[in-house]
Structures are given as structure tokens and as C-alpha cells.
Amino acid sequence: MGQTLGSLVPLGVAAAVSTLPLLITVLILLSDNRSRSALPYLVGFVVGTLLLVIASTLTASLLPHPRLRQPNTAVGVLAILIGLALVALGVLALFRRGDGAGGGEPKWARTVGTFGAGRSLGLGLVLNLRPKSLLLGAAAGLVLKSANDRVEDTVVLVLVYTAVATSTVAVPVVATLLSPRRMEPRLVRARGRLDAHGPVVAATMMVLIGVLVVVAGATRL
């Protein structure tokens, strides 16, 4: 279980540093509507992440098992493809940033502060359908498939991945709801940092994790 955890946590960290969920979190928490929309948004995001990794794990379990002492070719090939896709997305994001595109917050993101509970819940769920989230969820599913752990251990690992992947949304939401005045200056600073550095950090992390996933997949061939 420890080895599986070591492979799973970096994937969760890569998901946690995604710029868009963080930006939306900050915008919601800085809005006048946060008391009505922040918690539903968090619930939607956590539930969406949990459902994604569960679905990925169940799908990966359908892959054929290799014969005794034979390499797990199917898992290896899929891992390589997922890793290459992550690298490609990361490199593309870096090039867009270098060209001056993609900087700052999207115009539509400024409306999220007006969302009610239902729309905020749906937004949290839908954010897990982004290509990066789907690829990281698929990679997590392959890790859990390869581990062949007991069901109880797999459940714990799924929850750990979900906790790590959603931590950067959960912590500011809970902290702001508990102490809004103390958090507001920090949220304003966080918004500036996200605009300035968030996309580069997230893209670089995606490239690094993609390379690790490719290497892990190659070792299974």
C-alpha cells in the first residue's frame, strides 16, 4: 500500500495545483454571495473528484490481467499514452502563456460570484470533466489497478487521492467560512499570485507528472 500511495500522491498534488478551480474558489470567496455558494461548490468539487477516481478505478479493473510473470502491457501502454497527453497539455499551456495568451482570469469566471447554490454545486462537478482532471483520474485508476491491493486498502487510497486533489479548494473555503475577515486579505493576494504565476506552475507540474507517468508505464512493458 505504501508504494501505491507514493505513486498516487503526486497525481493528487498535480490535480490540486490546477489554476482554474483555485481561481474560481478565490472569486467565489471574495464575492458577496460566498455564504450561499462556497459550500455547495466545495461539495460538488469533492464529490466530482471522488466519482471520477472511482469510475477510473472500476474501468481500469476491466483491463485484462497479465499471465504469471508477464509484463502488464495494457496498463503500461495506457499509462504511456496518458503521460504523453499530460506532457502535451502542459507544454501547450506553457507556449500559450509565453505568447501572452491565457494570462489573467477568463471573462466568464467573473460571473461565478453571482451563482446560487445549485449552479455552484454543478460547477464544482463539471470542473472534474476538464481534460487534465480526466487524465489524472485515469492515471490514478491505473495505479490502483496495478497495485492489486485489498478492497479496504483501495477505498483508503481513493479517499487519500480525493483529499489531496481537493485540498487547495477545501482549505480556503472552510477557513473563509470560519474566519472571513482574516482570510479576505490573503484571498486578494492569492488572486494576484494566481494571475501572475498560477498557469506556469500548473503547466510545469503537469509536464513533470506526465513524464513520471510515462516512465512508470514503460517499466511495465
C-alpha atoms as a PDB file:
ATOM      1  CA  MET A   1       0.000   0.000   0.000  1.00  0.00           C
ATOM      2  CA  GLY A   2       2.870   2.353   0.768  1.00  0.00           C
ATOM      3  CA  GLN A   3       4.308   2.062  -2.748  1.00  0.00           C
ATOM      4  CA  THR A   4       0.898   2.704  -4.259  1.00  0.00           C
ATOM      5  CA  LEU A   5       0.463   5.746  -2.050  1.00  0.00           C
ATOM      6  CA  GLY A   6       3.811   7.073  -3.231  1.00  0.00           C
ATOM      7  CA  SER A   7       2.639   6.853  -6.844  1.00  0.00           C
ATOM      8  CA  LEU A   8      -0.809   8.248  -6.115  1.00  0.00           C
ATOM      9  CA  VAL A   9       0.033  11.341  -4.062  1.00  0.00           C
ATOM     10  CA  PRO A  10       1.960  13.149  -6.862  1.00  0.00           C
ATOM     11  CA  LEU A  11      -1.066  12.748  -9.117  1.00  0.00           C
ATOM     12  CA  GLY A  12      -3.241  14.260  -6.418  1.00  0.00           C
ATOM     13  CA  VAL A  13      -0.798  17.151  -5.990  1.00  0.00           C
ATOM     14  CA  ALA A  14      -0.871  17.816  -9.732  1.00  0.00           C
ATOM     15  CA  ALA A  15      -4.670  17.951  -9.569  1.00  0.00           C
ATOM     16  CA  ALA A  16      -4.533  20.217  -6.515  1.00  0.00           C
ATOM     17  CA  VAL A  17      -2.449  22.911  -8.232  1.00  0.00           C
ATOM     18  CA  SER A  18      -4.843  23.288 -11.166  1.00  0.00           C
ATOM     19  CA  THR A  19      -5.290  27.011 -11.744  1.00  0.00           C
ATOM     20  CA  LEU A  20      -8.944  27.127 -12.789  1.00  0.00           C
ATOM     21  CA  PRO A  21     -10.523  25.531  -9.669  1.00  0.00           C
ATOM     22  CA  LEU A  22      -8.287  27.684  -7.470  1.00  0.00           C
ATOM     23  CA  LEU A  23      -9.222  30.855  -9.329  1.00  0.00           C
ATOM     24  CA  ILE A  24     -12.929  30.070  -9.145  1.00  0.00           C
ATOM     25  CA  THR A  25     -12.575  29.298  -5.433  1.00  0.00           C
ATOM     26  CA  VAL A  26     -10.987  32.678  -4.773  1.00  0.00           C
ATOM     27  CA  LEU A  27     -13.568  34.535  -6.883  1.00  0.00           C
ATOM     28  CA  ILE A  28     -16.451  32.857  -5.059  1.00  0.00           C
ATOM     29  CA  LEU A  29     -14.920  33.546  -1.649  1.00  0.00           C
ATOM     30  CA  LEU A  30     -14.355  37.221  -2.487  1.00  0.00           C
ATOM     31  CA  SER A  31     -17.935  37.664  -3.664  1.00  0.00           C
ATOM     32  CA  ASP A  32     -20.873  38.837  -1.578  1.00  0.00           C
ATOM     33  CA  ASN A  33     -22.567  35.521  -2.362  1.00  0.00           C
ATOM     34  CA  ARG A  34     -19.979  33.274  -0.719  1.00  0.00           C
ATOM     35  CA  SER A  35     -22.132  32.226   2.240  1.00  0.00           C
ATOM     36  CA  ARG A  36     -24.627  30.720  -0.211  1.00  0.00           C
ATOM     37  CA  SER A  37     -22.367  29.323  -2.921  1.00  0.00           C
ATOM     38  CA  ALA A  38     -18.973  28.399  -1.412  1.00  0.00           C
ATOM     39  CA  LEU A  39     -20.024  25.240   0.413  1.00  0.00           C
ATOM     40  CA  PRO A  40     -22.119  23.802  -2.468  1.00  0.00           C
ATOM     41  CA  TYR A  41     -19.190  24.499  -4.811  1.00  0.00           C
ATOM     42  CA  LEU A  42     -16.846  22.621  -2.483  1.00  0.00           C
ATOM     43  CA  VAL A  43     -19.259  19.690  -2.155  1.00  0.00           C
ATOM     44  CA  GLY A  44     -19.632  19.475  -5.926  1.00  0.00           C
ATOM     45  CA  PHE A  45     -15.887  19.584  -6.474  1.00  0.00           C
ATOM     46  CA  VAL A  46     -15.120  16.919  -3.870  1.00  0.00           C
ATOM     47  CA  VAL A  47     -17.926  14.607  -4.993  1.00  0.00           C
ATOM     48  CA  GLY A  48     -16.924  15.061  -8.645  1.00  0.00           C
ATOM     49  CA  THR A  49     -13.303  14.190  -7.889  1.00  0.00           C
ATOM     50  CA  LEU A  50     -14.345  11.155  -5.863  1.00  0.00           C
ATOM     51  CA  LEU A  51     -16.682   9.887  -8.586  1.00  0.00           C
ATOM     52  CA  LEU A  52     -14.005  10.405 -11.217  1.00  0.00           C
ATOM     53  CA  VAL A  53     -11.360   8.340  -9.457  1.00  0.00           C
ATOM     54  CA  ILE A  54     -13.893   5.635  -8.576  1.00  0.00           C
ATOM     55  CA  ALA A  55     -15.042   5.425 -12.200  1.00  0.00           C
ATOM     56  CA  SER A  56     -11.426   5.355 -13.401  1.00  0.00           C
ATOM     57  CA  THR A  57     -10.538   2.596 -10.948  1.00  0.00           C
ATOM     58  CA  LEU A  58     -13.534   0.475 -11.920  1.00  0.00           C
ATOM     59  CA  THR A  59     -12.783   0.975 -15.612  1.00  0.00           C
ATOM     60  CA  ALA A  60      -9.128   0.055 -15.121  1.00  0.00           C
ATOM     61  CA  SER A  61     -10.176  -3.107 -13.286  1.00  0.00           C
ATOM     62  CA  LEU A  62     -11.762  -4.320 -16.532  1.00  0.00           C
ATOM     63  CA  LEU A  63      -8.375  -4.451 -18.256  1.00  0.00           C
ATOM     64  CA  PRO A  64      -7.029  -7.977 -18.779  1.00  0.00           C
ATOM     65  CA  HIS A  65      -4.711  -9.347 -16.115  1.00  0.00           C
ATOM     66  CA  PRO A  66      -1.286 -10.468 -17.362  1.00  0.00           C
ATOM     67  CA  ARG A  67      -0.205 -14.046 -17.063  1.00  0.00           C
ATOM     68  CA  LEU A  68       2.102 -15.003 -14.239  1.00  0.00           C
ATOM     69  CA  ARG A  69       5.475 -13.209 -14.507  1.00  0.00           C
ATOM     70  CA  GLN A  70       4.366 -11.496 -17.720  1.00  0.00           C
ATOM     71  CA  PRO A  71       4.516  -7.682 -18.123  1.00  0.00           C
ATOM     72  CA  ASN A  72       1.242  -5.790 -17.803  1.00  0.00           C
ATOM     73  CA  THR A  73       1.322  -4.460 -21.356  1.00  0.00           C
ATOM     74  CA  ALA A  74      -2.184  -2.991 -21.421  1.00  0.00           C
ATOM     75  CA  VAL A  75      -1.611  -0.907 -18.297  1.00  0.00           C
ATOM     76  CA  GLY A  76       1.848   0.121 -19.478  1.00  0.00           C
ATOM     77  CA  VAL A  77       0.676   1.321 -22.883  1.00  0.00           C
ATOM     78  CA  LEU A  78      -2.270   3.233 -21.418  1.00  0.00           C
ATOM     79  CA  ALA A  79      -0.031   4.848 -18.815  1.00  0.00           C
ATOM     80  CA  ILE A  80       2.401   5.976 -21.522  1.00  0.00           C
ATOM     81  CA  LEU A  81      -0.429   7.455 -23.595  1.00  0.00           C
ATOM     82  CA  ILE A  82      -1.880   9.271 -20.579  1.00  0.00           C
ATOM     83  CA  GLY A  83       1.555  10.575 -19.617  1.00  0.00           C
ATOM     84  CA  LEU A  84       2.240  11.840 -23.141  1.00  0.00           C
ATOM     85  CA  ALA A  85      -1.146  13.574 -23.174  1.00  0.00           C
ATOM     86  CA  LEU A  86      -0.333  15.295 -19.859  1.00  0.00           C
ATOM     87  CA  VAL A  87       3.046  16.425 -21.207  1.00  0.00           C
ATOM     88  CA  ALA A  88       1.405  17.740 -24.374  1.00  0.00           C
ATOM     89  CA  LEU A  89      -1.212  19.692 -22.389  1.00  0.00           C
ATOM     90  CA  GLY A  90       1.457  21.140 -20.128  1.00  0.00           C
ATOM     91  CA  VAL A  91       3.727  22.185 -22.993  1.00  0.00           C
ATOM     92  CA  LEU A  92       0.783  23.707 -24.857  1.00  0.00           C
ATOM     93  CA  ALA A  93      -0.182  25.691 -21.755  1.00  0.00           C
ATOM     94  CA  LEU A  94       3.394  26.961 -21.393  1.00  0.00           C
ATOM     95  CA  PHE A  95       3.535  28.044 -25.033  1.00  0.00           C
ATOM     96  CA  ARG A  96       0.219  29.856 -24.710  1.00  0.00           C
ATOM     97  CA  ARG A  97       1.489  31.598 -21.608  1.00  0.00           C
ATOM     98  CA  GLY A  98       4.696  32.542 -23.404  1.00  0.00           C
ATOM     99  CA  ASP A  99       2.721  34.023 -26.285  1.00  0.00           C
ATOM    100  CA  GLY A 100       0.749  36.147 -23.833  1.00  0.00           C
ATOM    101  CA  ALA A 101      -2.451  34.136 -24.257  1.00  0.00           C
ATOM    102  CA  GLY A 102      -4.247  32.619 -21.344  1.00  0.00           C
ATOM    103  CA  GLY A 103      -2.955  35.156 -18.819  1.00  0.00           C
ATOM    104  CA  GLY A 104      -5.286  36.554 -16.191  1.00  0.00           C
ATOM    105  CA  GLU A 105      -8.715  35.315 -15.355  1.00  0.00           C
ATOM    106  CA  PRO A 106     -11.262  34.289 -18.015  1.00  0.00           C
ATOM    107  CA  LYS A 107     -14.026  36.833 -18.543  1.00  0.00           C
ATOM    108  CA  TRP A 108     -16.716  34.256 -17.783  1.00  0.00           C
ATOM    109  CA  ALA A 109     -15.057  33.406 -14.471  1.00  0.00           C
ATOM    110  CA  ARG A 110     -16.048  36.804 -13.111  1.00  0.00           C
ATOM    111  CA  THR A 111     -19.699  35.743 -13.079  1.00  0.00           C
ATOM    112  CA  VAL A 112     -19.205  32.792 -10.721  1.00  0.00           C
ATOM    113  CA  GLY A 113     -19.650  35.040  -7.703  1.00  0.00           C
ATOM    114  CA  THR A 114     -23.307  35.502  -8.677  1.00  0.00           C
ATOM    115  CA  PHE A 115     -24.068  31.770  -8.775  1.00  0.00           C
ATOM    116  CA  GLY A 116     -26.597  30.306  -6.380  1.00  0.00           C
ATOM    117  CA  ALA A 117     -26.225  27.015  -4.534  1.00  0.00           C
ATOM    118  CA  GLY A 118     -27.422  24.793  -7.384  1.00  0.00           C
ATOM    119  CA  ARG A 119     -25.225  26.333 -10.068  1.00  0.00           C
ATOM    120  CA  SER A 120     -22.225  26.354  -7.737  1.00  0.00           C
ATOM    121  CA  LEU A 121     -22.732  22.663  -6.986  1.00  0.00           C
ATOM    122  CA  GLY A 122     -22.934  21.914 -10.704  1.00  0.00           C
ATOM    123  CA  LEU A 123     -19.846  23.997 -11.416  1.00  0.00           C
ATOM    124  CA  GLY A 124     -17.843  22.013  -8.871  1.00  0.00           C
ATOM    125  CA  LEU A 125     -18.925  18.769 -10.517  1.00  0.00           C
ATOM    126  CA  VAL A 126     -18.265  19.941 -14.083  1.00  0.00           C
ATOM    127  CA  LEU A 127     -14.720  21.099 -13.289  1.00  0.00           C
ATOM    128  CA  ASN A 128     -13.763  17.440 -12.986  1.00  0.00           C
ATOM    129  CA  LEU A 129     -14.577  16.922 -16.671  1.00  0.00           C
ATOM    130  CA  ARG A 130     -11.644  19.045 -17.819  1.00  0.00           C
ATOM    131  CA  PRO A 131      -9.002  17.118 -19.846  1.00  0.00           C
ATOM    132  CA  LYS A 132      -6.382  17.483 -17.109  1.00  0.00           C
ATOM    133  CA  SER A 133      -8.728  16.132 -14.426  1.00  0.00           C
ATOM    134  CA  LEU A 134      -9.808  13.217 -16.608  1.00  0.00           C
ATOM    135  CA  LEU A 135      -6.215  12.278 -17.447  1.00  0.00           C
ATOM    136  CA  LEU A 136      -5.059  12.462 -13.833  1.00  0.00           C
ATOM    137  CA  GLY A 137      -8.080  10.457 -12.717  1.00  0.00           C
ATOM    138  CA  ALA A 138      -7.332   7.844 -15.365  1.00  0.00           C
ATOM    139  CA  ALA A 139      -3.703   7.681 -14.257  1.00  0.00           C
ATOM    140  CA  ALA A 140      -4.826   7.230 -10.643  1.00  0.00           C
ATOM    141  CA  GLY A 141      -7.124   4.407 -11.728  1.00  0.00           C
ATOM    142  CA  LEU A 142      -4.233   2.626 -13.451  1.00  0.00           C
ATOM    143  CA  VAL A 143      -2.081   2.981 -10.334  1.00  0.00           C
ATOM    144  CA  LEU A 144      -4.797   1.428  -8.208  1.00  0.00           C
ATOM    145  CA  LYS A 145      -5.359  -1.317 -10.786  1.00  0.00           C
ATOM    146  CA  SER A 146      -1.661  -2.202 -10.815  1.00  0.00           C
ATOM    147  CA  ALA A 147      -1.417  -2.330  -7.029  1.00  0.00           C
ATOM    148  CA  ASN A 148      -3.802  -5.260  -6.604  1.00  0.00           C
ATOM    149  CA  ASP A 149      -4.483  -4.116  -3.043  1.00  0.00           C
ATOM    150  CA  ARG A 150      -7.359  -5.315  -0.908  1.00  0.00           C
ATOM    151  CA  VAL A 151     -10.692  -3.579  -1.348  1.00  0.00           C
ATOM    152  CA  GLU A 152     -10.308  -1.869   2.024  1.00  0.00           C
ATOM    153  CA  ASP A 153      -6.897  -0.513   1.057  1.00  0.00           C
ATOM    154  CA  THR A 154      -8.200   0.663  -2.318  1.00  0.00           C
ATOM    155  CA  VAL A 155     -11.012   2.581  -0.622  1.00  0.00           C
ATOM    156  CA  VAL A 156      -8.499   4.314   1.645  1.00  0.00           C
ATOM    157  CA  LEU A 157      -6.271   5.177  -1.322  1.00  0.00           C
ATOM    158  CA  VAL A 158      -9.203   6.586  -3.287  1.00  0.00           C
ATOM    159  CA  LEU A 159     -10.101   8.796  -0.339  1.00  0.00           C
ATOM    160  CA  VAL A 160      -6.476   9.909   0.052  1.00  0.00           C
ATOM    161  CA  TYR A 161      -6.278  10.904  -3.623  1.00  0.00           C
ATOM    162  CA  THR A 162      -9.547  12.799  -3.333  1.00  0.00           C
ATOM    163  CA  ALA A 163      -8.390  14.596  -0.194  1.00  0.00           C
ATOM    164  CA  VAL A 164      -5.076  15.653  -1.741  1.00  0.00           C
ATOM    165  CA  ALA A 165      -6.602  16.664  -5.082  1.00  0.00           C
ATOM    166  CA  THR A 166      -9.295  18.841  -3.478  1.00  0.00           C
ATOM    167  CA  SER A 167      -7.253  20.224  -0.565  1.00  0.00           C
ATOM    168  CA  THR A 168      -6.441  23.541  -2.233  1.00  0.00           C
ATOM    169  CA  VAL A 169     -10.147  24.194  -2.681  1.00  0.00           C
ATOM    170  CA  ALA A 170     -11.337  22.760   0.633  1.00  0.00           C
ATOM    171  CA  VAL A 171      -8.880  24.566   2.923  1.00  0.00           C
ATOM    172  CA  PRO A 172      -9.607  28.144   1.764  1.00  0.00           C
ATOM    173  CA  VAL A 173     -13.364  27.524   1.631  1.00  0.00           C
ATOM    174  CA  VAL A 174     -13.512  26.173   5.187  1.00  0.00           C
ATOM    175  CA  ALA A 175     -11.091  28.794   6.517  1.00  0.00           C
ATOM    176  CA  THR A 176     -13.010  31.652   4.906  1.00  0.00           C
ATOM    177  CA  LEU A 177     -16.387  30.466   6.146  1.00  0.00           C
ATOM    178  CA  LEU A 178     -14.943  30.215   9.661  1.00  0.00           C
ATOM    179  CA  SER A 179     -12.998  33.494   9.609  1.00  0.00           C
ATOM    180  CA  PRO A 180     -13.901  35.673   6.603  1.00  0.00           C
ATOM    181  CA  ARG A 181     -12.254  38.888   7.784  1.00  0.00           C
ATOM    182  CA  ARG A 182      -8.952  37.185   8.453  1.00  0.00           C
ATOM    183  CA  MET A 183      -8.964  35.390   5.094  1.00  0.00           C
ATOM    184  CA  GLU A 184     -10.009  38.247   2.790  1.00  0.00           C
ATOM    185  CA  PRO A 185      -6.552  39.902   2.522  1.00  0.00           C
ATOM    186  CA  ARG A 186      -4.993  36.508   1.879  1.00  0.00           C
ATOM    187  CA  LEU A 187      -7.512  35.742  -0.834  1.00  0.00           C
ATOM    188  CA  VAL A 188      -6.773  39.062  -2.548  1.00  0.00           C
ATOM    189  CA  ARG A 189      -3.042  38.252  -2.522  1.00  0.00           C
ATOM    190  CA  ALA A 190      -3.752  34.725  -3.739  1.00  0.00           C
ATOM    191  CA  ARG A 191      -5.766  36.097  -6.648  1.00  0.00           C
ATOM    192  CA  GLY A 192      -2.823  38.222  -7.753  1.00  0.00           C
ATOM    193  CA  ARG A 193      -0.409  35.311  -7.479  1.00  0.00           C
ATOM    194  CA  LEU A 194      -2.705  33.036  -9.450  1.00  0.00           C
ATOM    195  CA  ASP A 195      -2.915  35.574 -12.253  1.00  0.00           C
ATOM    196  CA  ALA A 196       0.855  36.052 -12.287  1.00  0.00           C
ATOM    197  CA  HIS A 197       2.253  32.583 -11.669  1.00  0.00           C
ATOM    198  CA  GLY A 198      -0.580  30.039 -11.408  1.00  0.00           C
ATOM    199  CA  PRO A 199      -0.725  28.880 -15.048  1.00  0.00           C
ATOM    200  CA  VAL A 200       3.058  28.414 -15.302  1.00  0.00           C
ATOM    201  CA  VAL A 201       3.262  26.426 -12.056  1.00  0.00           C
ATOM    202  CA  ALA A 202       0.313  24.228 -13.040  1.00  0.00           C
ATOM    203  CA  ALA A 203       1.647  23.612 -16.565  1.00  0.00           C
ATOM    204  CA  THR A 204       5.143  22.787 -15.303  1.00  0.00           C
ATOM    205  CA  MET A 205       3.726  20.369 -12.741  1.00  0.00           C
ATOM    206  CA  MET A 206       1.654  18.732 -15.465  1.00  0.00           C
ATOM    207  CA  VAL A 207       4.728  18.169 -17.639  1.00  0.00           C
ATOM    208  CA  LEU A 208       6.703  16.685 -14.749  1.00  0.00           C
ATOM    209  CA  ILE A 209       3.902  14.374 -13.685  1.00  0.00           C
ATOM    210  CA  GLY A 210       3.345  13.371 -17.308  1.00  0.00           C
ATOM    211  CA  VAL A 211       6.986  12.326 -17.593  1.00  0.00           C
ATOM    212  CA  LEU A 212       6.717  10.292 -14.386  1.00  0.00           C
ATOM    213  CA  VAL A 213       3.598   8.547 -15.682  1.00  0.00           C
ATOM    214  CA  VAL A 214       5.367   7.730 -18.981  1.00  0.00           C
ATOM    215  CA  VAL A 215       8.346   6.284 -17.124  1.00  0.00           C
ATOM    216  CA  ALA A 216       6.077   4.252 -14.840  1.00  0.00           C
ATOM    217  CA  GLY A 217       4.207   2.913 -17.854  1.00  0.00           C
ATOM    218  CA  ALA A 218       7.436   2.000 -19.655  1.00  0.00           C
ATOM    219  CA  THR A 219       8.580  -0.097 -16.697  1.00  0.00           C
ATOM    220  CA  ARG A 220       5.506  -2.299 -17.144  1.00  0.00           C
ATOM    221  CA  LEU A 221       6.261  -3.237 -20.751  1.00  0.00           C
END
